[in-house]
Amino acid sequence: QPLKAVSHFADLLNSGVVIHTPMDGMVYDGKDTQSVTTTLLIAVVRLTASYDFSKTLSDRIKESRRMCVEKILSGEEYWSSRMKTSAWIETVVDKDTKIKIPFVSEQNKRLVKWIFDMYTIDGLSQTEIFERLNNKRIPNFSGKSWAKNNIQAVISSESVLGQITLAKDIVKYYPEVDIIGKDQFQQARERARV
């Protein structure tokens, strides 16, 4: 991949395009061939290092996720704080068993239920819902303003049924995060398809 990028980079310089890279503040203009050669060598090194770093990081994240899922499936762990889940799900440690468990605060449960009610019962659109929440100054689960994609994430996530996807084709039920009834979830899903 880095060599392909360098090839495109060289083509752009040879065609007279001036490239500015904000990451390092460099300006590549290709006016003299000595500069172009040096520039390309520097670019190859930077691109290769960036690519290698990104790939290594990605591989580590995948392996960490795989090990996490393996521990849950083997029963070694019930839940992991490393699980990528919905924004309203937190991880807490049970004070009696000292086991990590998923948790949804009462405030977040009410908010998720209200969003589903506005969508399935009141018939509001996703846009109308996020506008209403923002007008009432109710922050999203990250403490920020709502956007349409936040509403979409809530009404489309099977985690509201307690269904957490651990890996491709591996779903585990967690009653602690089961918030919405299956019928209402299905109504929302059908309405979203229209």
N, C-alpha and C. Protein backbone atom coordinates (compact mmCIF):
# COMPACT_ATOMS: atom_id res chain seq x y z
N GLN A 1 0.81 -1.20 0.00
CA GLN A 1 0.00 0.00 0.00
C GLN A 1 0.86 1.27 0.00
N PRO A 2 1.90 1.35 0.84
CA PRO A 2 2.69 2.59 0.82
C PRO A 2 3.33 2.85 -0.54
N LEU A 3 3.80 1.81 -1.23
CA LEU A 3 4.44 2.02 -2.52
C LEU A 3 3.44 2.52 -3.56
N LYS A 4 2.21 2.04 -3.49
CA LYS A 4 1.18 2.53 -4.40
C LYS A 4 0.94 4.02 -4.14
N ALA A 5 0.90 4.38 -2.86
CA ALA A 5 0.67 5.79 -2.50
C ALA A 5 1.81 6.66 -3.01
N VAL A 6 3.04 6.16 -2.91
CA VAL A 6 4.20 6.93 -3.38
C VAL A 6 4.12 7.13 -4.89
N SER A 7 3.69 6.10 -5.60
CA SER A 7 3.54 6.20 -7.04
C SER A 7 2.55 7.30 -7.41
N HIS A 8 1.42 7.32 -6.73
CA HIS A 8 0.42 8.37 -6.97
C HIS A 8 0.97 9.75 -6.59
N PHE A 9 1.70 9.77 -5.49
CA PHE A 9 2.34 10.99 -5.01
C PHE A 9 3.27 11.55 -6.09
N ALA A 10 4.09 10.68 -6.65
CA ALA A 10 5.04 11.10 -7.69
C ALA A 10 4.30 11.59 -8.93
N ASP A 11 3.25 10.88 -9.30
CA ASP A 11 2.46 11.30 -10.47
C ASP A 11 1.89 12.71 -10.27
N LEU A 12 1.39 12.96 -9.07
CA LEU A 12 0.83 14.28 -8.78
C LEU A 12 1.91 15.36 -8.87
N LEU A 13 3.07 15.10 -8.27
CA LEU A 13 4.16 16.08 -8.32
C LEU A 13 4.61 16.32 -9.75
N ASN A 14 4.73 15.24 -10.52
CA ASN A 14 5.18 15.37 -11.92
C ASN A 14 4.17 16.12 -12.78
N SER A 15 2.91 16.12 -12.37
CA SER A 15 1.91 16.84 -13.15
C SER A 15 1.77 18.30 -12.71
N GLY A 16 2.61 18.71 -11.74
CA GLY A 16 2.60 20.11 -11.33
C GLY A 16 1.76 20.43 -10.12
N VAL A 17 1.17 19.42 -9.49
CA VAL A 17 0.35 19.65 -8.30
C VAL A 17 1.27 19.88 -7.10
N VAL A 18 0.95 20.88 -6.31
CA VAL A 18 1.69 21.15 -5.07
C VAL A 18 0.92 20.50 -3.93
N ILE A 19 1.60 19.68 -3.13
CA ILE A 19 0.95 18.95 -2.05
C ILE A 19 1.39 19.52 -0.71
N HIS A 20 0.41 19.84 0.13
CA HIS A 20 0.67 20.32 1.49
C HIS A 20 0.23 19.22 2.45
N THR A 21 1.09 18.81 3.35
CA THR A 21 0.72 17.79 4.35
C THR A 21 0.70 18.45 5.72
N PRO A 22 -0.49 18.68 6.28
CA PRO A 22 -0.59 19.37 7.56
C PRO A 22 0.03 18.59 8.72
N MET A 23 0.13 17.27 8.57
CA MET A 23 0.68 16.43 9.64
C MET A 23 2.10 16.87 10.01
N ASP A 24 2.91 17.17 8.98
CA ASP A 24 4.29 17.55 9.23
C ASP A 24 4.64 18.95 8.72
N GLY A 25 3.64 19.66 8.17
CA GLY A 25 3.86 21.01 7.69
C GLY A 25 4.70 21.09 6.43
N MET A 26 4.83 19.99 5.72
CA MET A 26 5.66 19.97 4.52
C MET A 26 4.88 20.46 3.30
N VAL A 27 5.64 21.06 2.38
CA VAL A 27 5.09 21.46 1.09
C VAL A 27 5.93 20.75 0.04
N TYR A 28 5.27 19.93 -0.76
CA TYR A 28 5.96 19.18 -1.81
C TYR A 28 5.56 19.79 -3.15
N ASP A 29 6.55 20.35 -3.89
CA ASP A 29 6.22 20.97 -5.16
C ASP A 29 6.91 20.31 -6.35
N GLY A 30 7.93 19.52 -6.10
CA GLY A 30 8.60 18.78 -7.17
C GLY A 30 9.29 19.64 -8.20
N LYS A 31 9.73 20.86 -7.81
CA LYS A 31 10.34 21.78 -8.79
C LYS A 31 11.70 21.30 -9.25
N ASP A 32 12.53 20.76 -8.32
CA ASP A 32 13.81 20.23 -8.80
C ASP A 32 13.86 18.73 -8.52
N THR A 33 14.49 18.01 -9.42
CA THR A 33 14.47 16.54 -9.33
C THR A 33 15.18 16.02 -8.09
N GLN A 34 16.21 16.71 -7.64
CA GLN A 34 16.91 16.30 -6.41
C GLN A 34 15.91 16.35 -5.25
N SER A 35 15.15 17.43 -5.20
CA SER A 35 14.15 17.62 -4.15
C SER A 35 13.06 16.56 -4.26
N VAL A 36 12.61 16.26 -5.49
CA VAL A 36 11.56 15.26 -5.69
C VAL A 36 12.03 13.90 -5.20
N THR A 37 13.26 13.52 -5.55
CA THR A 37 13.80 12.22 -5.13
C THR A 37 13.87 12.14 -3.61
N THR A 38 14.42 13.16 -3.01
CA THR A 38 14.51 13.19 -1.54
C THR A 38 13.12 13.17 -0.92
N THR A 39 12.24 13.96 -1.49
CA THR A 39 10.87 14.02 -1.00
C THR A 39 10.20 12.66 -1.06
N LEU A 40 10.37 11.97 -2.18
CA LEU A 40 9.76 10.65 -2.33
C LEU A 40 10.35 9.64 -1.34
N LEU A 41 11.65 9.71 -1.12
CA LEU A 41 12.26 8.81 -0.14
C LEU A 41 11.73 9.08 1.27
N ILE A 42 11.63 10.34 1.61
CA ILE A 42 11.07 10.70 2.92
C ILE A 42 9.61 10.24 3.02
N ALA A 43 8.88 10.47 1.95
CA ALA A 43 7.47 10.06 1.93
C ALA A 43 7.33 8.54 2.09
N VAL A 44 8.19 7.78 1.40
CA VAL A 44 8.14 6.31 1.51
C VAL A 44 8.36 5.89 2.96
N VAL A 45 9.35 6.46 3.58
CA VAL A 45 9.65 6.11 4.97
C VAL A 45 8.47 6.46 5.88
N ARG A 46 7.94 7.66 5.72
CA ARG A 46 6.80 8.08 6.55
C ARG A 46 5.56 7.23 6.30
N LEU A 47 5.25 7.02 5.03
CA LEU A 47 4.08 6.23 4.70
C LEU A 47 4.20 4.80 5.20
N THR A 48 5.37 4.22 5.03
CA THR A 48 5.59 2.84 5.49
C THR A 48 5.48 2.76 7.00
N ALA A 49 6.08 3.70 7.70
CA ALA A 49 6.01 3.71 9.17
C ALA A 49 4.57 3.87 9.64
N SER A 50 3.84 4.78 9.00
CA SER A 50 2.44 4.99 9.37
C SER A 50 1.61 3.75 9.10
N TYR A 51 1.81 3.15 7.94
CA TYR A 51 1.07 1.94 7.58
C TYR A 51 1.39 0.81 8.57
N ASP A 52 2.67 0.60 8.85
CA ASP A 52 3.07 -0.47 9.78
C ASP A 52 2.50 -0.24 11.17
N PHE A 53 2.55 1.01 11.65
CA PHE A 53 2.01 1.32 12.96
C PHE A 53 0.51 1.03 13.01
N SER A 54 -0.20 1.49 11.99
CA SER A 54 -1.64 1.29 11.93
C SER A 54 -2.00 -0.19 11.87
N LYS A 55 -1.27 -0.95 11.07
CA LYS A 55 -1.54 -2.39 10.95
C LYS A 55 -1.25 -3.10 12.27
N THR A 56 -0.15 -2.77 12.91
CA THR A 56 0.19 -3.39 14.19
C THR A 56 -0.88 -3.08 15.23
N LEU A 57 -1.31 -1.84 15.29
CA LEU A 57 -2.35 -1.44 16.23
C LEU A 57 -3.64 -2.19 15.94
N SER A 58 -4.01 -2.27 14.69
CA SER A 58 -5.22 -2.99 14.30
C SER A 58 -5.14 -4.47 14.69
N ASP A 59 -4.00 -5.09 14.43
CA ASP A 59 -3.82 -6.50 14.79
C ASP A 59 -3.91 -6.71 16.30
N ARG A 60 -3.34 -5.81 17.06
CA ARG A 60 -3.40 -5.92 18.53
C ARG A 60 -4.83 -5.78 19.04
N ILE A 61 -5.57 -4.85 18.47
CA ILE A 61 -6.96 -4.64 18.87
C ILE A 61 -7.79 -5.89 18.55
N LYS A 62 -7.59 -6.45 17.35
CA LYS A 62 -8.31 -7.67 16.96
C LYS A 62 -7.98 -8.83 17.89
N GLU A 63 -6.71 -8.98 18.23
CA GLU A 63 -6.30 -10.07 19.12
C GLU A 63 -6.86 -9.87 20.52
N SER A 64 -6.85 -8.65 21.01
CA SER A 64 -7.42 -8.35 22.32
C SER A 64 -8.90 -8.69 22.35
N ARG A 65 -9.59 -8.30 21.30
CA ARG A 65 -11.03 -8.59 21.18
C ARG A 65 -11.28 -10.10 21.14
N ARG A 66 -10.46 -10.82 20.36
CA ARG A 66 -10.60 -12.28 20.25
C ARG A 66 -10.41 -12.95 21.61
N MET A 67 -9.40 -12.51 22.35
CA MET A 67 -9.13 -13.08 23.67
C MET A 67 -10.27 -12.77 24.64
N CYS A 68 -10.81 -11.57 24.54
CA CYS A 68 -11.93 -11.15 25.38
C CYS A 68 -13.13 -12.06 25.14
N VAL A 69 -13.46 -12.27 23.87
CA VAL A 69 -14.60 -13.12 23.51
C VAL A 69 -14.35 -14.56 23.99
N GLU A 70 -13.13 -15.02 23.80
CA GLU A 70 -12.77 -16.38 24.23
C GLU A 70 -12.99 -16.57 25.74
N LYS A 71 -12.58 -15.57 26.52
CA LYS A 71 -12.76 -15.65 27.98
C LYS A 71 -14.24 -15.66 28.36
N ILE A 72 -15.04 -14.88 27.66
CA ILE A 72 -16.48 -14.85 27.94
C ILE A 72 -17.12 -16.17 27.57
N LEU A 73 -16.79 -16.69 26.41
CA LEU A 73 -17.39 -17.96 25.96
C LEU A 73 -16.95 -19.15 26.82
N SER A 74 -15.75 -19.09 27.36
CA SER A 74 -15.26 -20.19 28.21
C SER A 74 -15.81 -20.09 29.63
N GLY A 75 -16.43 -18.94 29.95
CA GLY A 75 -16.95 -18.76 31.30
C GLY A 75 -15.95 -18.16 32.27
N GLU A 76 -14.75 -17.90 31.79
CA GLU A 76 -13.71 -17.30 32.63
C GLU A 76 -14.11 -15.88 33.05
N GLU A 77 -14.79 -15.19 32.16
CA GLU A 77 -15.33 -13.86 32.45
C GLU A 77 -16.79 -13.84 32.04
N TYR A 78 -17.59 -13.03 32.73
CA TYR A 78 -18.99 -12.88 32.37
C TYR A 78 -19.14 -11.74 31.36
N TRP A 79 -18.37 -10.68 31.58
CA TRP A 79 -18.45 -9.46 30.79
C TRP A 79 -17.08 -8.82 30.78
N SER A 80 -16.81 -8.03 29.79
CA SER A 80 -15.54 -7.32 29.74
C SER A 80 -15.77 -5.85 29.44
N SER A 81 -15.05 -5.01 30.11
CA SER A 81 -15.16 -3.57 29.86
C SER A 81 -14.59 -3.23 28.49
N ARG A 82 -13.89 -4.17 27.86
CA ARG A 82 -13.33 -3.95 26.54
C ARG A 82 -14.34 -4.22 25.43
N MET A 83 -15.54 -4.67 25.81
CA MET A 83 -16.57 -4.95 24.81
C MET A 83 -17.01 -3.64 24.16
N LYS A 84 -17.09 -3.65 22.85
CA LYS A 84 -17.60 -2.48 22.13
C LYS A 84 -19.11 -2.62 22.11
N THR A 85 -19.77 -1.78 22.86
CA THR A 85 -21.22 -1.88 22.96
C THR A 85 -21.86 -0.51 22.76
N SER A 86 -23.13 -0.47 23.03
CA SER A 86 -23.88 0.78 22.90
C SER A 86 -23.45 1.78 23.97
N ALA A 87 -23.59 3.05 23.64
CA ALA A 87 -23.10 4.13 24.51
C ALA A 87 -23.79 4.16 25.87
N TRP A 88 -25.00 3.63 25.98
CA TRP A 88 -25.72 3.69 27.24
C TRP A 88 -25.36 2.54 28.18
N ILE A 89 -24.54 1.61 27.73
CA ILE A 89 -24.14 0.47 28.56
C ILE A 89 -22.79 0.76 29.20
N GLU A 90 -22.75 0.62 30.50
CA GLU A 90 -21.53 0.83 31.25
C GLU A 90 -21.06 -0.52 31.82
N THR A 91 -19.89 -0.52 32.38
CA THR A 91 -19.38 -1.71 33.07
C THR A 91 -19.23 -1.36 34.53
N VAL A 92 -19.76 -2.22 35.39
CA VAL A 92 -19.60 -2.05 36.83
C VAL A 92 -19.11 -3.37 37.41
N VAL A 93 -18.59 -3.29 38.62
CA VAL A 93 -18.16 -4.50 39.32
C VAL A 93 -19.18 -4.79 40.41
N ASP A 94 -19.76 -5.98 40.37
CA ASP A 94 -20.73 -6.39 41.38
C ASP A 94 -20.04 -6.39 42.74
N LYS A 95 -20.62 -5.68 43.71
CA LYS A 95 -19.94 -5.53 45.02
C LYS A 95 -19.85 -6.85 45.78
N ASP A 96 -20.76 -7.78 45.53
CA ASP A 96 -20.72 -9.06 46.24
C ASP A 96 -19.80 -10.07 45.57
N THR A 97 -19.97 -10.22 44.26
CA THR A 97 -19.20 -11.25 43.54
C THR A 97 -17.88 -10.75 42.98
N LYS A 98 -17.71 -9.43 42.91
CA LYS A 98 -16.52 -8.80 42.32
C LYS A 98 -16.37 -9.12 40.83
N ILE A 99 -17.46 -9.49 40.19
CA ILE A 99 -17.46 -9.80 38.76
C ILE A 99 -17.92 -8.58 37.97
N LYS A 100 -17.26 -8.33 36.84
CA LYS A 100 -17.67 -7.23 35.95
C LYS A 100 -18.99 -7.61 35.29
N ILE A 101 -19.92 -6.65 35.30
CA ILE A 101 -21.22 -6.88 34.66
C ILE A 101 -21.61 -5.64 33.86
N PRO A 102 -22.43 -5.84 32.82
CA PRO A 102 -22.94 -4.67 32.10
C PRO A 102 -24.02 -4.00 32.93
N PHE A 103 -24.15 -2.70 32.77
CA PHE A 103 -25.08 -1.94 33.59
C PHE A 103 -25.66 -0.79 32.78
N VAL A 104 -26.97 -0.57 32.95
CA VAL A 104 -27.62 0.59 32.35
C VAL A 104 -28.27 1.36 33.49
N SER A 105 -27.89 2.62 33.65
CA SER A 105 -28.44 3.44 34.72
C SER A 105 -29.93 3.64 34.49
N GLU A 106 -30.65 3.96 35.54
CA GLU A 106 -32.09 4.22 35.42
C GLU A 106 -32.35 5.39 34.48
N GLN A 107 -31.50 6.40 34.54
CA GLN A 107 -31.64 7.56 33.66
C GLN A 107 -31.51 7.13 32.19
N ASN A 108 -30.51 6.30 31.90
CA ASN A 108 -30.32 5.85 30.52
C ASN A 108 -31.45 4.91 30.08
N LYS A 109 -31.95 4.08 30.98
CA LYS A 109 -33.09 3.22 30.65
C LYS A 109 -34.30 4.07 30.27
N ARG A 110 -34.58 5.09 31.10
CA ARG A 110 -35.73 5.97 30.81
C ARG A 110 -35.55 6.66 29.46
N LEU A 111 -34.33 7.10 29.18
CA LEU A 111 -34.06 7.81 27.93
C LEU A 111 -34.23 6.88 26.73
N VAL A 112 -33.71 5.68 26.80
CA VAL A 112 -33.86 4.72 25.71
C VAL A 112 -35.35 4.40 25.50
N LYS A 113 -36.07 4.16 26.58
CA LYS A 113 -37.51 3.87 26.47
C LYS A 113 -38.26 5.06 25.87
N TRP A 114 -37.92 6.26 26.28
CA TRP A 114 -38.58 7.46 25.77
C TRP A 114 -38.34 7.60 24.27
N ILE A 115 -37.12 7.36 23.83
CA ILE A 115 -36.80 7.43 22.41
C ILE A 115 -37.65 6.42 21.63
N PHE A 116 -37.75 5.20 22.14
CA PHE A 116 -38.57 4.19 21.48
C PHE A 116 -40.04 4.59 21.48
N ASP A 117 -40.51 5.14 22.59
CA ASP A 117 -41.91 5.58 22.65
C ASP A 117 -42.18 6.71 21.66
N MET A 118 -41.27 7.69 21.59
CA MET A 118 -41.46 8.80 20.65
C MET A 118 -41.49 8.28 19.21
N TYR A 119 -40.70 7.26 18.95
CA TYR A 119 -40.59 6.73 17.59
C TYR A 119 -41.75 5.80 17.23
N THR A 120 -42.08 4.88 18.14
CA THR A 120 -43.09 3.86 17.80
C THR A 120 -44.51 4.24 18.20
N ILE A 121 -44.68 4.99 19.27
CA ILE A 121 -46.02 5.34 19.74
C ILE A 121 -46.44 6.72 19.24
N ASP A 122 -45.56 7.72 19.44
CA ASP A 122 -45.89 9.09 19.03
C ASP A 122 -45.70 9.32 17.53
N GLY A 123 -44.96 8.43 16.88
CA GLY A 123 -44.76 8.54 15.44
C GLY A 123 -43.81 9.63 14.99
N LEU A 124 -42.96 10.10 15.90
CA LEU A 124 -42.00 11.14 15.54
C LEU A 124 -40.89 10.56 14.66
N SER A 125 -40.36 11.38 13.79
CA SER A 125 -39.22 10.95 12.98
C SER A 125 -37.95 11.01 13.83
N GLN A 126 -36.89 10.41 13.31
CA GLN A 126 -35.61 10.47 14.03
C GLN A 126 -35.14 11.92 14.18
N THR A 127 -35.36 12.71 13.14
CA THR A 127 -34.97 14.12 13.19
C THR A 127 -35.77 14.86 14.26
N GLU A 128 -37.08 14.60 14.30
CA GLU A 128 -37.93 15.26 15.31
C GLU A 128 -37.52 14.86 16.72
N ILE A 129 -37.10 13.62 16.88
CA ILE A 129 -36.68 13.15 18.21
C ILE A 129 -35.41 13.85 18.65
N PHE A 130 -34.39 13.88 17.78
CA PHE A 130 -33.15 14.51 18.24
C PHE A 130 -33.34 16.01 18.44
N GLU A 131 -34.20 16.64 17.63
CA GLU A 131 -34.48 18.07 17.84
C GLU A 131 -35.18 18.30 19.17
N ARG A 132 -36.13 17.44 19.50
CA ARG A 132 -36.85 17.57 20.77
C ARG A 132 -35.89 17.41 21.95
N LEU A 133 -35.02 16.40 21.88
CA LEU A 133 -34.06 16.18 22.96
C LEU A 133 -33.11 17.37 23.10
N ASN A 134 -32.64 17.90 21.98
CA ASN A 134 -31.74 19.06 22.02
C ASN A 134 -32.45 20.30 22.53
N ASN A 135 -33.71 20.49 22.11
CA ASN A 135 -34.48 21.65 22.58
C ASN A 135 -34.71 21.59 24.09
N LYS A 136 -34.83 20.38 24.63
CA LYS A 136 -35.00 20.22 26.08
C LYS A 136 -33.65 20.17 26.81
N ARG A 137 -32.58 20.33 26.02
CA ARG A 137 -31.22 20.33 26.56
C ARG A 137 -30.88 19.03 27.29
N ILE A 138 -31.36 17.93 26.74
CA ILE A 138 -31.03 16.61 27.29
C ILE A 138 -29.84 16.09 26.48
N PRO A 139 -28.69 15.88 27.12
CA PRO A 139 -27.51 15.44 26.39
C PRO A 139 -27.62 13.96 25.98
N ASN A 140 -26.85 13.60 24.94
CA ASN A 140 -26.82 12.19 24.57
C ASN A 140 -25.97 11.42 25.59
N PHE A 141 -25.76 10.15 25.36
CA PHE A 141 -25.07 9.30 26.33
C PHE A 141 -23.61 9.67 26.53
N SER A 142 -23.07 10.48 25.62
CA SER A 142 -21.69 10.96 25.74
C SER A 142 -21.63 12.37 26.30
N GLY A 143 -22.80 12.92 26.66
CA GLY A 143 -22.85 14.26 27.22
C GLY A 143 -22.87 15.37 26.19
N LYS A 144 -23.07 15.01 24.92
CA LYS A 144 -23.07 16.01 23.84
C LYS A 144 -24.48 16.19 23.29
N SER A 145 -24.61 17.06 22.30
CA SER A 145 -25.89 17.26 21.62
C SER A 145 -26.23 16.03 20.79
N TRP A 146 -27.52 15.84 20.58
CA TRP A 146 -27.99 14.71 19.80
C TRP A 146 -27.86 14.99 18.31
N ALA A 147 -27.69 13.92 17.54
CA ALA A 147 -27.71 13.97 16.08
C ALA A 147 -28.58 12.81 15.61
N LYS A 148 -28.98 12.86 14.37
CA LYS A 148 -29.86 11.81 13.84
C LYS A 148 -29.22 10.43 13.98
N ASN A 149 -27.92 10.33 13.76
CA ASN A 149 -27.27 9.01 13.85
C ASN A 149 -27.29 8.46 15.28
N ASN A 150 -27.37 9.34 16.30
CA ASN A 150 -27.51 8.86 17.68
C ASN A 150 -28.85 8.16 17.86
N ILE A 151 -29.90 8.74 17.30
CA ILE A 151 -31.24 8.15 17.41
C ILE A 151 -31.27 6.83 16.65
N GLN A 152 -30.69 6.83 15.46
CA GLN A 152 -30.62 5.62 14.65
C GLN A 152 -29.90 4.51 15.42
N ALA A 153 -28.82 4.85 16.11
CA ALA A 153 -28.06 3.86 16.87
C ALA A 153 -28.92 3.24 17.97
N VAL A 154 -29.75 4.05 18.61
CA VAL A 154 -30.61 3.54 19.68
C VAL A 154 -31.67 2.60 19.13
N ILE A 155 -32.40 3.05 18.12
CA ILE A 155 -33.55 2.26 17.66
C ILE A 155 -33.15 1.04 16.84
N SER A 156 -31.90 0.97 16.41
CA SER A 156 -31.48 -0.19 15.61
C SER A 156 -30.63 -1.18 16.39
N SER A 157 -30.24 -0.84 17.61
CA SER A 157 -29.34 -1.70 18.37
C SER A 157 -30.07 -2.83 19.10
N GLU A 158 -29.70 -4.05 18.80
CA GLU A 158 -30.30 -5.19 19.48
C GLU A 158 -29.86 -5.29 20.94
N SER A 159 -28.93 -4.46 21.34
CA SER A 159 -28.51 -4.48 22.74
C SER A 159 -29.64 -4.03 23.66
N VAL A 160 -30.64 -3.29 23.12
CA VAL A 160 -31.79 -2.90 23.94
C VAL A 160 -32.62 -4.13 24.32
N LEU A 161 -32.39 -5.23 23.62
CA LEU A 161 -33.05 -6.51 23.93
C LEU A 161 -32.15 -7.39 24.78
N GLY A 162 -30.99 -6.87 25.15
CA GLY A 162 -30.03 -7.65 25.92
C GLY A 162 -29.12 -8.49 25.04
N GLN A 163 -29.25 -8.36 23.74
CA GLN A 163 -28.46 -9.14 22.79
C GLN A 163 -27.18 -8.39 22.45
N ILE A 164 -26.05 -8.91 22.92
CA ILE A 164 -24.76 -8.28 22.68
C ILE A 164 -23.97 -9.15 21.72
N THR A 165 -23.54 -8.56 20.62
CA THR A 165 -22.73 -9.29 19.65
C THR A 165 -21.29 -9.31 20.13
N LEU A 166 -20.80 -10.52 20.42
CA LEU A 166 -19.43 -10.68 20.89
C LEU A 166 -18.45 -10.75 19.72
N ALA A 167 -18.87 -11.42 18.68
CA ALA A 167 -18.07 -11.57 17.46
C ALA A 167 -19.04 -11.92 16.34
N LYS A 168 -18.52 -11.98 15.14
CA LYS A 168 -19.39 -12.31 14.00
C LYS A 168 -20.14 -13.61 14.30
N ASP A 169 -21.46 -13.55 14.22
CA ASP A 169 -22.34 -14.70 14.44
C ASP A 169 -22.32 -15.23 15.88
N ILE A 170 -21.77 -14.48 16.83
CA ILE A 170 -21.79 -14.91 18.24
C ILE A 170 -22.47 -13.82 19.06
N VAL A 171 -23.68 -14.12 19.52
CA VAL A 171 -24.48 -13.18 20.30
C VAL A 171 -24.76 -13.80 21.66
N LYS A 172 -24.64 -13.02 22.70
CA LYS A 172 -24.93 -13.49 24.05
C LYS A 172 -25.99 -12.59 24.67
N TYR A 173 -26.89 -13.22 25.40
CA TYR A 173 -27.95 -12.47 26.07
C TYR A 173 -27.49 -12.03 27.46
N TYR A 174 -27.67 -10.73 27.73
CA TYR A 174 -27.37 -10.16 29.04
C TYR A 174 -28.64 -9.52 29.57
N PRO A 175 -29.31 -10.16 30.54
CA PRO A 175 -30.57 -9.59 31.05
C PRO A 175 -30.40 -8.22 31.68
N GLU A 176 -29.20 -7.90 32.14
CA GLU A 176 -28.95 -6.60 32.79
C GLU A 176 -29.19 -5.43 31.86
N VAL A 177 -29.09 -5.64 30.56
CA VAL A 177 -29.23 -4.54 29.61
C VAL A 177 -30.48 -4.68 28.73
N ASP A 178 -31.35 -5.61 29.08
CA ASP A 178 -32.60 -5.81 28.34
C ASP A 178 -33.57 -4.71 28.76
N ILE A 179 -33.85 -3.76 27.86
CA ILE A 179 -34.62 -2.57 28.20
C ILE A 179 -35.98 -2.53 27.50
N ILE A 180 -35.99 -2.91 26.24
CA ILE A 180 -37.18 -2.74 25.39
C ILE A 180 -37.79 -4.10 25.07
N GLY A 181 -39.11 -4.17 25.03
CA GLY A 181 -39.77 -5.41 24.64
C GLY A 181 -39.55 -5.72 23.16
N LYS A 182 -39.60 -7.00 22.82
CA LYS A 182 -39.35 -7.43 21.44
C LYS A 182 -40.36 -6.82 20.46
N ASP A 183 -41.62 -6.72 20.88
CA ASP A 183 -42.64 -6.16 19.99
C ASP A 183 -42.34 -4.71 19.62
N GLN A 184 -41.99 -3.91 20.62
CA GLN A 184 -41.70 -2.50 20.34
C GLN A 184 -40.42 -2.37 19.49
N PHE A 185 -39.44 -3.21 19.77
CA PHE A 185 -38.21 -3.19 18.97
C PHE A 185 -38.53 -3.53 17.52
N GLN A 186 -39.37 -4.54 17.32
CA GLN A 186 -39.75 -4.95 15.96
C GLN A 186 -40.51 -3.83 15.25
N GLN A 187 -41.39 -3.14 15.99
CA GLN A 187 -42.12 -2.00 15.41
C GLN A 187 -41.13 -0.94 14.91
N ALA A 188 -40.15 -0.64 15.74
CA ALA A 188 -39.15 0.37 15.38
C ALA A 188 -38.35 -0.08 14.16
N ARG A 189 -37.98 -1.33 14.14
CA ARG A 189 -37.19 -1.86 13.02
C ARG A 189 -37.99 -1.79 11.71
N GLU A 190 -39.27 -2.18 11.78
CA GLU A 190 -40.13 -2.13 10.59
C GLU A 190 -40.33 -0.69 10.11
N ARG A 191 -40.53 0.21 11.04
CA ARG A 191 -40.73 1.61 10.67
C ARG A 191 -39.47 2.20 10.04
N ALA A 192 -38.31 1.80 10.56
CA ALA A 192 -37.05 2.32 10.03
C ALA A 192 -36.81 1.85 8.60
N ARG A 193 -37.33 0.70 8.24
CA ARG A 193 -37.16 0.16 6.88
C ARG A 193 -37.96 0.92 5.85
N VAL A 194 -39.06 1.55 6.28
CA VAL A 194 -39.96 2.23 5.33
C VAL A 194 -39.36 3.50 4.80
